Amino acid sequence: MKKILFLFVLLSTTMAQAQFHIGLRAGMNFSNMKFSDFSDNPFFSNFENQAGNIGYHAGIYTKLSLLIVEIQPELLFTRISGSFESTDLAGKTFANDVGINRLDIPVLGITRLGPLRLGGGPVFSYQIGSVNSVLEDGLGSSTWGLQLLAGLEILKIQVDARYEFGLSDATNFVLVDGEKINVDSRPSQFIIALAYKLN
């Protein structure tokens, strides 16, 4: 009984010290939508990914802080981009820019060491749609990923750098010149963001 009472008092004291915050967040994404597993396609002799695709994100975050540990869920509108070139058997080259609009929900566990923030966690993404017809028909409804982050928080400002690993396919195939090309497309991205705490 004394142990239960002690745990209850400890938990109550801990929760009383916890702080809840909400804020705004926006930034840039340097995404890498690699398309692979296309070698069985009989219509194209070459398929090459292009790098250096820039997207963006914006939304809100909430944060529960307790001593040096934080839980930070977020709701973000995100545009990720990619591009590739494909060459058909006649030697004709097709250049394609692709993009996906999605709602991202990262849930991050973060450790504070003074102003330094280190952490990571899963991200669930609901794919709203593609910005062109190259991906539209094969686009899945949702994907999962994993984010790792390092950043600083000073007063009301957060500055984060993150890397996101794609764990599931964004699309099953792409359309090029009317032909379906089966692909493995797990988008990864490097993310830089600025956030402002409202309370």
Protein backbone atom coordinates (compact mmCIF):
# COMPACT_ATOMS: atom_id res chain seq x y z
CA MET A 1 0.00 0.00 0.00
CA LYS A 2 2.82 2.40 0.87
CA LYS A 3 4.54 1.62 -2.46
CA ILE A 4 1.34 2.32 -4.40
CA LEU A 5 0.85 5.59 -2.52
CA PHE A 6 4.46 6.56 -3.18
CA LEU A 7 4.12 5.84 -6.93
CA PHE A 8 0.87 7.82 -7.06
CA VAL A 9 2.48 10.83 -5.36
CA LEU A 10 5.53 10.56 -7.63
CA LEU A 11 3.39 10.38 -10.77
CA SER A 12 1.19 13.28 -9.63
CA THR A 13 4.24 15.42 -8.89
CA THR A 14 5.80 14.54 -12.24
CA MET A 15 2.67 15.41 -14.24
CA ALA A 16 2.31 18.68 -12.30
CA GLN A 17 5.80 19.65 -13.48
CA ALA A 18 5.07 18.78 -17.11
CA GLN A 19 4.60 21.69 -19.51
CA PHE A 20 2.42 21.75 -22.62
CA HIS A 21 3.28 23.96 -25.58
CA ILE A 22 1.90 24.60 -29.06
CA GLY A 23 3.59 26.33 -31.97
CA LEU A 24 3.98 26.89 -35.70
CA ARG A 25 6.51 25.16 -37.92
CA ALA A 26 7.70 25.57 -41.53
CA GLY A 27 10.71 24.64 -43.61
CA MET A 28 12.27 23.12 -46.69
CA ASN A 29 12.68 19.49 -47.75
CA PHE A 30 15.45 18.17 -49.96
CA SER A 31 13.78 14.98 -51.09
CA ASN A 32 15.10 11.96 -52.89
CA MET A 33 12.37 9.84 -54.46
CA LYS A 34 14.37 6.92 -55.79
CA PHE A 35 12.59 4.70 -58.26
CA SER A 36 13.97 1.20 -58.65
CA ASP A 37 12.96 -2.39 -59.54
CA PHE A 38 11.99 -1.36 -63.06
CA SER A 39 14.30 -3.75 -64.94
CA ASP A 40 11.47 -6.09 -65.94
CA ASN A 41 9.77 -3.41 -68.05
CA PRO A 42 9.88 -4.35 -71.76
CA PHE A 43 9.29 -0.81 -73.10
CA PHE A 44 12.29 1.08 -71.69
CA SER A 45 16.01 0.40 -71.82
CA ASN A 46 17.11 2.91 -69.19
CA PHE A 47 15.63 4.59 -66.12
CA GLU A 48 17.66 7.14 -64.15
CA ASN A 49 16.83 9.04 -60.95
CA GLN A 50 17.67 12.73 -60.68
CA ALA A 51 18.80 14.36 -57.42
CA GLY A 52 18.37 17.80 -55.84
CA ASN A 53 14.59 18.07 -55.54
CA ILE A 54 13.25 20.77 -53.22
CA GLY A 55 9.90 20.73 -51.43
CA TYR A 56 8.41 22.39 -48.38
CA HIS A 57 6.26 21.84 -45.31
CA ALA A 58 4.19 23.95 -42.89
CA GLY A 59 1.90 23.25 -39.96
CA ILE A 60 1.61 23.09 -36.19
CA TYR A 61 3.31 21.20 -33.40
CA THR A 62 2.52 20.41 -29.80
CA LYS A 63 5.05 19.55 -27.15
CA LEU A 64 4.85 17.95 -23.71
CA SER A 65 8.02 18.79 -21.74
CA LEU A 66 9.16 17.02 -18.61
CA LEU A 67 12.64 17.83 -17.30
CA ILE A 68 15.00 16.83 -20.17
CA VAL A 69 12.47 14.68 -22.07
CA GLU A 70 9.91 15.93 -24.61
CA ILE A 71 7.17 14.32 -26.71
CA GLN A 72 6.45 16.37 -29.84
CA PRO A 73 3.57 15.39 -32.18
CA GLU A 74 3.14 17.49 -35.32
CA LEU A 75 0.58 17.98 -38.11
CA LEU A 76 2.18 19.21 -41.33
CA PHE A 77 1.22 19.79 -44.95
CA THR A 78 4.19 18.54 -46.97
CA ARG A 79 5.16 18.63 -50.64
CA ILE A 80 7.87 16.17 -51.64
CA SER A 81 9.38 16.15 -55.12
CA GLY A 82 11.35 13.89 -57.37
CA SER A 83 12.45 13.56 -60.97
CA PHE A 84 13.63 10.85 -63.32
CA GLU A 85 14.58 10.25 -66.93
CA SER A 86 13.59 7.19 -68.91
CA THR A 87 14.72 6.06 -72.35
CA ASP A 88 12.56 3.83 -74.53
CA LEU A 89 13.81 1.15 -76.92
CA ALA A 90 13.80 3.64 -79.81
CA GLY A 91 16.21 5.91 -77.95
CA LYS A 92 13.64 8.60 -77.05
CA THR A 93 14.21 10.17 -73.62
CA PHE A 94 11.41 11.28 -71.31
CA ALA A 95 12.12 13.70 -68.44
CA ASN A 96 9.55 13.64 -65.65
CA ASP A 97 9.15 15.82 -62.57
CA VAL A 98 6.93 14.29 -59.91
CA GLY A 99 5.50 15.56 -56.66
CA ILE A 100 3.28 14.34 -53.85
CA ASN A 101 1.12 16.38 -51.48
CA ARG A 102 0.62 14.74 -48.11
CA LEU A 103 -0.31 15.27 -44.48
CA ASP A 104 2.53 14.23 -42.18
CA ILE A 105 2.08 13.27 -38.53
CA PRO A 106 5.49 12.81 -36.87
CA VAL A 107 5.53 11.77 -33.19
CA LEU A 108 9.01 12.48 -31.86
CA GLY A 109 10.75 11.65 -28.61
CA ILE A 110 13.36 14.30 -27.81
CA THR A 111 16.09 14.66 -25.19
CA ARG A 112 17.18 18.14 -24.12
CA LEU A 113 20.80 18.90 -23.24
CA GLY A 114 20.64 22.62 -22.55
CA PRO A 115 19.57 24.24 -25.85
CA LEU A 116 20.54 21.10 -27.81
CA ARG A 117 17.74 18.75 -28.90
CA LEU A 118 18.33 15.16 -30.08
CA GLY A 119 15.67 12.62 -30.91
CA GLY A 120 13.58 10.76 -33.41
CA GLY A 121 10.41 8.82 -33.98
CA PRO A 122 7.90 7.49 -36.52
CA VAL A 123 6.04 9.59 -39.08
CA PHE A 124 2.71 8.60 -40.63
CA SER A 125 1.89 10.26 -43.96
CA TYR A 126 -1.54 10.45 -45.58
CA GLN A 127 -1.02 11.04 -49.28
CA ILE A 128 -3.51 13.65 -50.53
CA GLY A 129 -2.54 13.34 -54.19
CA SER A 130 0.13 13.88 -56.81
CA VAL A 131 0.80 17.10 -58.69
CA ASN A 132 0.81 15.39 -62.09
CA SER A 133 -0.46 12.26 -63.81
CA VAL A 134 2.87 10.40 -63.71
CA LEU A 135 2.16 9.10 -60.19
CA GLU A 136 -1.58 9.58 -59.79
CA ASP A 137 -2.93 6.15 -60.70
CA GLY A 138 -0.36 4.19 -58.69
CA LEU A 139 -0.28 6.43 -55.62
CA GLY A 140 -0.90 4.67 -52.30
CA SER A 141 -3.11 6.17 -49.59
CA SER A 142 -0.47 6.33 -46.85
CA THR A 143 3.16 5.67 -46.00
CA TRP A 144 5.35 5.23 -42.92
CA GLY A 145 8.77 6.66 -42.23
CA LEU A 146 11.32 7.28 -39.50
CA GLN A 147 12.77 10.69 -38.61
CA LEU A 148 16.00 11.46 -36.77
CA LEU A 149 16.63 15.02 -35.62
CA ALA A 150 19.21 17.36 -34.14
CA GLY A 151 18.47 20.95 -33.35
CA LEU A 152 18.50 23.91 -31.02
CA GLU A 153 15.80 25.59 -28.97
CA ILE A 154 16.44 29.09 -27.64
CA LEU A 155 13.57 30.95 -25.95
CA LYS A 156 10.58 30.47 -28.28
CA ILE A 157 12.55 29.46 -31.39
CA GLN A 158 13.37 25.94 -32.59
CA VAL A 159 15.80 25.23 -35.43
CA ASP A 160 15.88 21.59 -36.55
CA ALA A 161 17.71 19.46 -39.06
CA ARG A 162 16.13 16.07 -39.72
CA TYR A 163 16.56 13.06 -41.94
CA GLU A 164 13.57 10.94 -42.86
CA PHE A 165 13.90 7.33 -44.00
CA GLY A 166 11.01 6.05 -46.11
CA LEU A 167 9.81 2.66 -44.86
CA SER A 168 6.99 2.04 -47.36
CA ASP A 169 6.32 2.75 -51.03
CA ALA A 170 4.73 6.02 -52.06
CA THR A 171 3.55 4.55 -55.38
CA ASN A 172 3.53 1.14 -57.06
CA PHE A 173 4.11 2.33 -60.61
CA VAL A 174 4.68 5.44 -62.74
CA LEU A 175 3.16 6.28 -66.11
CA VAL A 176 5.57 7.21 -68.91
CA ASP A 177 4.27 7.71 -72.46
CA GLY A 178 1.16 5.72 -71.53
CA GLU A 179 3.11 2.75 -70.24
CA LYS A 180 3.16 1.52 -66.63
CA ILE A 181 6.59 1.06 -65.06
CA ASN A 182 6.54 -0.92 -61.82
CA VAL A 183 8.76 0.75 -59.24
CA ASP A 184 9.97 0.62 -55.66
CA SER A 185 9.59 4.22 -54.43
CA ARG A 186 10.46 4.88 -50.81
CA PRO A 187 11.03 8.63 -50.53
CA SER A 188 13.67 9.91 -48.16
CA GLN A 189 14.33 13.55 -47.35
CA PHE A 190 16.62 15.94 -45.53
CA ILE A 191 14.57 18.55 -43.67
CA ILE A 192 15.48 21.99 -42.35
CA ALA A 193 12.82 23.81 -40.32
CA LEU A 194 12.14 26.81 -38.12
CA ALA A 195 9.45 26.69 -35.42
CA TYR A 196 7.97 29.32 -33.12
CA LYS A 197 6.41 28.48 -29.75
CA LEU A 198 3.11 30.32 -29.21
CA ASN A 199 2.81 29.78 -25.44
